[in-house]
């Protein structure tokens, strides 16, 4: 609460005294750490990237620090997810303190996966769609093209550079996509279990079935835990995936009941390529374990 009050006071001050100057490079603010990957892969070191929700933080309920707001005030642009609870709570205020920065909502070009729950946000902003699209290589391709177009608008003199870098990035993404298609073809339709439903777009794009331990955005009640244990046994689930930002106690309870292991993933890493390959390999290993 104290941090919220200090931020609100800072927002009021900056709204009246906006200074867009910066002694170094121009600043682009992004909502989550993976978006920094796309900016730096395409723009190189042309910009300083200010990440609002750093890796290791929960992007559904995060509260920014004053130094992040100060850098936001100096930003020339903001790249948002479009669906995160964090943004529902804060984005309007961000735009009010810096009315001149250009805006990109990457989610506008993504076909969303619907969701029917919120994430316990203190301001109670429900997410209308699943916001975790960046984890899927097929969606990452759309992100890269959106960011490239945006950067070309910001800095037209570097268009040729951004086009070239984007083409190279797309080749990397396409390789990850081809690998995912090849691996998941042999396990099409199979179920995997994850604490927080972070991999719905991978499930959709590669014909898998995601089972979330969370129940309506909250820890599951005992009746739901029993259902999950029965379902895990029926589907021969041997691994429960847990995003490193979340408490894994309920996942470990289920894992102990069915003899499964816990695998920690980091979809909010700044290194999108490394993180996504780790997730794809982890899913494939879990789905083929004992079946090869």
Protein backbone atom coordinates (compact mmCIF):
# COMPACT_ATOMS: atom_id res chain seq x y z
CA UNK A 1 0.00 0.00 0.00
CA UNK A 2 2.84 2.39 0.85
CA UNK A 3 4.40 1.78 -2.57
CA UNK A 4 1.06 2.44 -4.31
CA UNK A 5 0.66 5.76 -2.49
CA UNK A 6 4.21 6.85 -3.36
CA UNK A 7 3.65 5.93 -7.00
CA UNK A 8 0.36 7.81 -7.14
CA UNK A 9 2.08 10.89 -5.72
CA UNK A 10 4.87 10.52 -8.28
CA UNK A 11 2.37 10.13 -11.11
CA UNK A 12 0.61 13.33 -10.03
CA UNK A 13 3.92 15.18 -9.96
CA UNK A 14 5.09 13.89 -13.32
CA UNK A 15 1.74 14.59 -14.94
CA UNK A 16 2.29 18.26 -14.18
CA UNK A 17 5.99 18.29 -14.97
CA UNK A 18 6.69 15.96 -17.89
CA UNK A 19 10.24 16.06 -19.14
CA UNK A 20 10.90 13.82 -22.13
CA UNK A 21 14.61 14.58 -22.32
CA UNK A 22 17.16 11.88 -21.58
CA UNK A 23 20.92 12.21 -21.36
CA UNK A 24 21.52 8.92 -23.14
CA UNK A 25 19.63 6.79 -25.64
CA UNK A 26 15.92 7.06 -26.18
CA UNK A 27 13.93 4.83 -23.86
CA UNK A 28 11.28 2.29 -24.84
CA UNK A 29 9.21 0.92 -21.97
CA UNK A 30 7.79 -2.60 -22.27
CA UNK A 31 5.33 -4.34 -19.97
CA UNK A 32 7.18 -7.64 -19.58
CA UNK A 33 10.75 -8.87 -19.89
CA UNK A 34 10.24 -11.13 -22.98
CA UNK A 35 9.25 -8.07 -25.04
CA UNK A 36 12.72 -6.65 -24.37
CA UNK A 37 14.13 -9.62 -26.28
CA UNK A 38 12.23 -8.68 -29.43
CA UNK A 39 13.20 -5.00 -29.20
CA UNK A 40 16.90 -5.67 -28.71
CA UNK A 41 17.06 -8.42 -31.33
CA UNK A 42 15.64 -6.03 -33.93
CA UNK A 43 16.96 -2.64 -32.78
CA UNK A 44 20.26 -3.76 -31.29
CA UNK A 45 21.46 -1.14 -28.82
CA UNK A 46 19.63 1.77 -30.46
CA UNK A 47 17.32 2.13 -27.47
CA UNK A 48 17.40 1.64 -23.71
CA UNK A 49 14.61 -0.75 -22.73
CA UNK A 50 12.73 -0.12 -19.48
CA UNK A 51 10.97 -3.29 -18.31
CA UNK A 52 7.97 -2.69 -16.09
CA UNK A 53 7.50 -6.29 -14.87
CA UNK A 54 10.96 -7.86 -14.54
CA UNK A 55 11.64 -11.57 -14.79
CA UNK A 56 10.74 -13.24 -11.50
CA UNK A 57 7.75 -10.95 -10.78
CA UNK A 58 4.07 -11.76 -11.23
CA UNK A 59 2.73 -9.78 -14.23
CA UNK A 60 -0.88 -10.16 -13.14
CA UNK A 61 -0.57 -8.24 -9.87
CA UNK A 62 2.74 -6.38 -10.11
CA UNK A 63 3.09 -2.86 -8.70
CA UNK A 64 5.81 -0.73 -10.36
CA UNK A 65 8.56 1.01 -8.42
CA UNK A 66 9.06 4.81 -8.53
CA UNK A 67 12.27 4.53 -10.57
CA UNK A 68 10.35 2.62 -13.25
CA UNK A 69 7.76 5.38 -13.39
CA UNK A 70 10.50 7.97 -13.74
CA UNK A 71 11.96 6.13 -16.72
CA UNK A 72 8.48 5.71 -18.16
CA UNK A 73 8.12 9.48 -18.03
CA UNK A 74 11.17 9.79 -20.30
CA UNK A 75 10.12 7.06 -22.73
CA UNK A 76 9.44 7.69 -26.40
CA UNK A 77 7.27 4.57 -26.66
CA UNK A 78 5.41 1.90 -24.71
CA UNK A 79 4.90 -1.70 -25.84
CA UNK A 80 2.08 -3.42 -23.98
CA UNK A 81 0.71 -6.95 -23.89
CA UNK A 82 -2.93 -5.90 -24.09
CA UNK A 83 -4.42 -8.47 -21.74
CA UNK A 84 -2.41 -8.51 -18.50
CA UNK A 85 -4.13 -7.68 -15.21
CA UNK A 86 -1.16 -5.46 -14.37
CA UNK A 87 -1.94 -3.36 -17.44
CA UNK A 88 -5.65 -3.19 -16.67
CA UNK A 89 -4.70 -1.60 -13.38
CA UNK A 90 -1.86 0.71 -14.47
CA UNK A 91 -1.74 1.37 -18.20
CA UNK A 92 -4.20 4.27 -18.27
CA UNK A 93 -2.16 6.03 -15.58
CA UNK A 94 1.05 5.40 -17.51
CA UNK A 95 -0.45 7.03 -20.60
CA UNK A 96 -1.61 9.99 -18.53
CA UNK A 97 1.88 10.79 -17.22
CA UNK A 98 3.47 10.52 -20.67
CA UNK A 99 1.01 11.65 -23.30
CA UNK A 100 3.62 11.96 -26.05
CA UNK A 101 4.99 8.44 -26.19
CA UNK A 102 3.92 6.20 -29.07
CA UNK A 103 1.98 3.08 -28.13
CA UNK A 104 1.94 -0.50 -29.40
CA UNK A 105 -0.38 -3.16 -28.04
CA UNK A 106 1.07 -6.39 -29.40
CA UNK A 107 -2.03 -8.36 -28.48
CA UNK A 108 -4.08 -6.57 -31.14
CA UNK A 109 -2.61 -8.85 -33.82
CA UNK A 110 -2.94 -12.06 -31.81
CA UNK A 111 -5.97 -14.34 -32.01
CA UNK A 112 -6.64 -14.69 -28.27
CA UNK A 113 -7.42 -17.69 -26.15
CA UNK A 114 -10.35 -16.80 -23.92
CA UNK A 115 -10.22 -17.09 -20.16
CA UNK A 116 -12.89 -16.80 -17.52
CA UNK A 117 -10.99 -15.80 -14.42
CA UNK A 118 -8.95 -13.04 -12.86
CA UNK A 119 -5.67 -13.37 -10.99
CA UNK A 120 -6.46 -11.88 -7.61
CA UNK A 121 -5.48 -8.36 -8.65
CA UNK A 122 -5.89 -5.94 -5.77
CA UNK A 123 -7.82 -3.61 -8.06
CA UNK A 124 -9.85 -6.58 -9.35
CA UNK A 125 -9.24 -6.22 -13.07
CA UNK A 126 -10.21 -9.43 -14.83
CA UNK A 127 -8.23 -10.49 -17.88
CA UNK A 128 -10.58 -10.83 -20.84
CA UNK A 129 -8.17 -13.17 -22.69
CA UNK A 130 -5.21 -15.35 -21.82
CA UNK A 131 -2.22 -12.98 -21.95
CA UNK A 132 0.56 -15.59 -22.30
CA UNK A 133 0.68 -15.65 -26.10
CA UNK A 134 4.39 -14.75 -26.34
CA UNK A 135 5.36 -18.28 -25.25
CA UNK A 136 4.15 -19.79 -28.54
CA UNK A 137 6.57 -19.54 -31.51
CA UNK A 138 3.66 -18.95 -33.86
CA UNK A 139 2.62 -15.90 -31.82
CA UNK A 140 6.25 -14.83 -31.41
CA UNK A 141 6.46 -14.41 -35.18
CA UNK A 142 3.57 -11.94 -35.03
CA UNK A 143 5.22 -10.12 -32.12
CA UNK A 144 8.47 -9.75 -34.05
CA UNK A 145 6.74 -8.27 -37.10
CA UNK A 146 4.67 -5.91 -34.94
CA UNK A 147 7.74 -4.68 -33.06
CA UNK A 148 9.71 -4.26 -36.30
CA UNK A 149 6.98 -2.08 -37.83
CA UNK A 150 6.79 -0.05 -34.64
CA UNK A 151 10.55 0.50 -34.47
CA UNK A 152 10.59 1.57 -38.12
CA UNK A 153 7.97 4.18 -37.25
CA UNK A 154 10.03 5.36 -34.29
CA UNK A 155 13.32 5.55 -36.17
CA UNK A 156 12.78 5.59 -39.96
CA UNK A 157 16.48 6.19 -40.67
CA UNK A 158 17.26 2.70 -39.38
CA UNK A 159 14.54 0.89 -41.35
CA UNK A 160 16.99 -1.18 -43.41
CA UNK A 161 18.77 -2.34 -40.27
CA UNK A 162 15.52 -3.25 -38.54
CA UNK A 163 14.23 -5.15 -41.58
CA UNK A 164 17.45 -7.17 -41.76
CA UNK A 165 17.56 -7.91 -38.05
CA UNK A 166 13.89 -8.88 -38.04
CA UNK A 167 14.44 -11.30 -40.91
CA UNK A 168 17.24 -12.95 -38.94
CA UNK A 169 15.04 -13.12 -35.83
CA UNK A 170 12.18 -14.66 -37.84
CA UNK A 171 14.53 -17.40 -39.02
CA UNK A 172 15.33 -18.22 -35.38
CA UNK A 173 11.65 -18.24 -34.46
CA UNK A 174 10.77 -20.41 -37.46
CA UNK A 175 13.40 -22.96 -36.42
CA UNK A 176 11.81 -23.15 -32.97
CA UNK A 177 8.38 -23.49 -34.58
CA UNK A 178 9.57 -26.32 -36.86
CA UNK A 179 11.08 -28.12 -33.90
CA UNK A 180 7.84 -27.78 -31.93
CA UNK A 181 5.77 -29.03 -34.86
CA UNK A 182 8.04 -32.03 -35.33
CA UNK A 183 8.20 -32.98 -31.66
CA UNK A 184 4.55 -32.47 -30.82
CA UNK A 185 3.24 -34.25 -33.92
CA UNK A 186 3.87 -37.62 -32.26
CA UNK A 187 2.11 -36.60 -29.02
CA UNK A 188 -0.82 -34.76 -30.59
CA UNK A 189 -3.85 -34.57 -28.31
CA UNK A 190 -1.98 -35.52 -25.16
CA UNK A 191 -2.45 -33.79 -21.80
CA UNK A 192 0.08 -31.94 -19.68
CA UNK A 193 -0.37 -30.36 -16.26
CA UNK A 194 0.79 -26.93 -15.13
CA UNK A 195 0.13 -24.94 -11.97
CA UNK A 196 -0.66 -21.58 -13.59
CA UNK A 197 -2.17 -21.84 -17.11
CA UNK A 198 0.79 -20.29 -18.92
CA UNK A 199 1.01 -22.54 -21.97
CA UNK A 200 -2.46 -22.34 -23.49
CA UNK A 201 -1.16 -20.92 -26.78
CA UNK A 202 1.40 -23.69 -27.17
CA UNK A 203 -1.39 -26.17 -26.43
CA UNK A 204 -3.64 -24.55 -29.02
CA UNK A 205 -1.00 -24.10 -31.72
CA UNK A 206 0.43 -27.62 -31.44
CA UNK A 207 -2.70 -29.63 -30.56
CA UNK A 208 -1.96 -30.42 -26.92
CA UNK A 209 -4.28 -30.19 -23.89
CA UNK A 210 -3.33 -27.98 -20.94
CA UNK A 211 -4.62 -28.90 -17.47
CA UNK A 212 -4.26 -26.09 -14.93
CA UNK A 213 -3.90 -26.75 -11.21
CA UNK A 214 -5.23 -23.27 -10.45
CA UNK A 215 -9.00 -23.10 -10.06
CA UNK A 216 -10.63 -19.88 -11.32
CA UNK A 217 -7.33 -18.07 -10.87
CA UNK A 218 -6.88 -19.28 -7.27
CA UNK A 219 -5.42 -22.23 -5.42
CA UNK A 220 -7.69 -25.24 -5.91
CA UNK A 221 -10.07 -26.42 -3.16
CA UNK A 222 -9.73 -30.02 -1.89
CA UNK A 223 -12.45 -31.28 -4.24
CA UNK A 224 -10.60 -29.88 -7.25
CA UNK A 225 -7.31 -31.34 -6.01
CA UNK A 226 -8.92 -34.80 -5.96
CA UNK A 227 -10.19 -34.30 -9.52
CA UNK A 228 -6.71 -33.28 -10.65
CA UNK A 229 -5.09 -36.26 -8.98
CA UNK A 230 -7.57 -38.62 -10.65
CA UNK A 231 -7.13 -36.93 -14.03
CA UNK A 232 -3.34 -36.98 -13.75
CA UNK A 233 -3.43 -40.70 -13.04
CA UNK A 234 -5.81 -41.33 -15.95
CA UNK A 235 -3.65 -39.38 -18.41
CA UNK A 236 -0.38 -40.88 -17.10
CA UNK A 237 0.98 -37.44 -16.24
CA UNK A 238 4.51 -37.69 -14.88
CA UNK A 239 5.46 -34.00 -14.70
CA UNK A 240 3.79 -30.89 -13.32
CA UNK A 241 5.12 -27.63 -14.68
CA UNK A 242 5.42 -24.65 -12.37
CA UNK A 243 6.30 -21.10 -13.36
CA UNK A 244 9.08 -19.92 -11.07
CA UNK A 245 7.04 -16.95 -9.81
CA UNK A 246 4.38 -19.17 -8.23
CA UNK A 247 4.07 -21.13 -5.00
CA UNK A 248 4.32 -24.81 -5.93
CA UNK A 249 2.85 -26.37 -2.77
CA UNK A 250 -0.39 -27.60 -4.38
CA UNK A 251 1.49 -28.83 -7.43
CA UNK A 252 3.83 -30.76 -5.13
CA UNK A 253 0.85 -32.30 -3.32
CA UNK A 254 -0.47 -33.67 -6.61
CA UNK A 255 3.00 -34.72 -7.72
CA UNK A 256 3.50 -36.68 -4.51
CA UNK A 257 0.15 -38.45 -4.94
CA UNK A 258 0.85 -39.61 -8.50
CA UNK A 259 4.62 -39.98 -8.37
CA UNK A 260 5.26 -37.07 -10.72
CA UNK A 261 8.14 -34.64 -10.75
CA UNK A 262 8.03 -30.84 -10.63
CA UNK A 263 9.63 -28.96 -13.50
CA UNK A 264 10.18 -25.22 -13.10
CA UNK A 265 9.87 -23.08 -16.23
CA UNK A 266 10.65 -19.42 -16.81
CA UNK A 267 8.40 -18.01 -19.56
CA UNK A 268 9.05 -14.47 -18.28
CA UNK A 269 12.78 -14.69 -18.99
CA UNK A 270 14.38 -11.89 -21.03
CA UNK A 271 15.88 -14.62 -23.21
CA UNK A 272 12.79 -15.67 -25.15
CA UNK A 273 14.64 -18.15 -27.36
CA UNK A 274 16.33 -20.06 -24.53
CA UNK A 275 13.21 -20.06 -22.35
CA UNK A 276 10.89 -21.25 -25.13
CA UNK A 277 13.21 -24.05 -26.21
CA UNK A 278 13.43 -25.19 -22.60
CA UNK A 279 9.62 -25.27 -22.34
CA UNK A 280 9.20 -27.15 -25.63
CA UNK A 281 11.86 -29.71 -24.73
CA UNK A 282 10.39 -30.10 -21.23
CA UNK A 283 6.90 -30.71 -22.58
CA UNK A 284 8.13 -33.24 -25.11
CA UNK A 285 10.22 -35.08 -22.52
CA UNK A 286 7.27 -35.30 -20.14
CA UNK A 287 4.85 -36.47 -22.83
CA UNK A 288 7.15 -39.19 -24.15
CA UNK A 289 8.65 -40.35 -20.87
CA UNK A 290 8.11 -44.08 -20.54
CA UNK A 291 6.53 -44.27 -24.00
CA UNK A 292 9.61 -44.43 -26.22
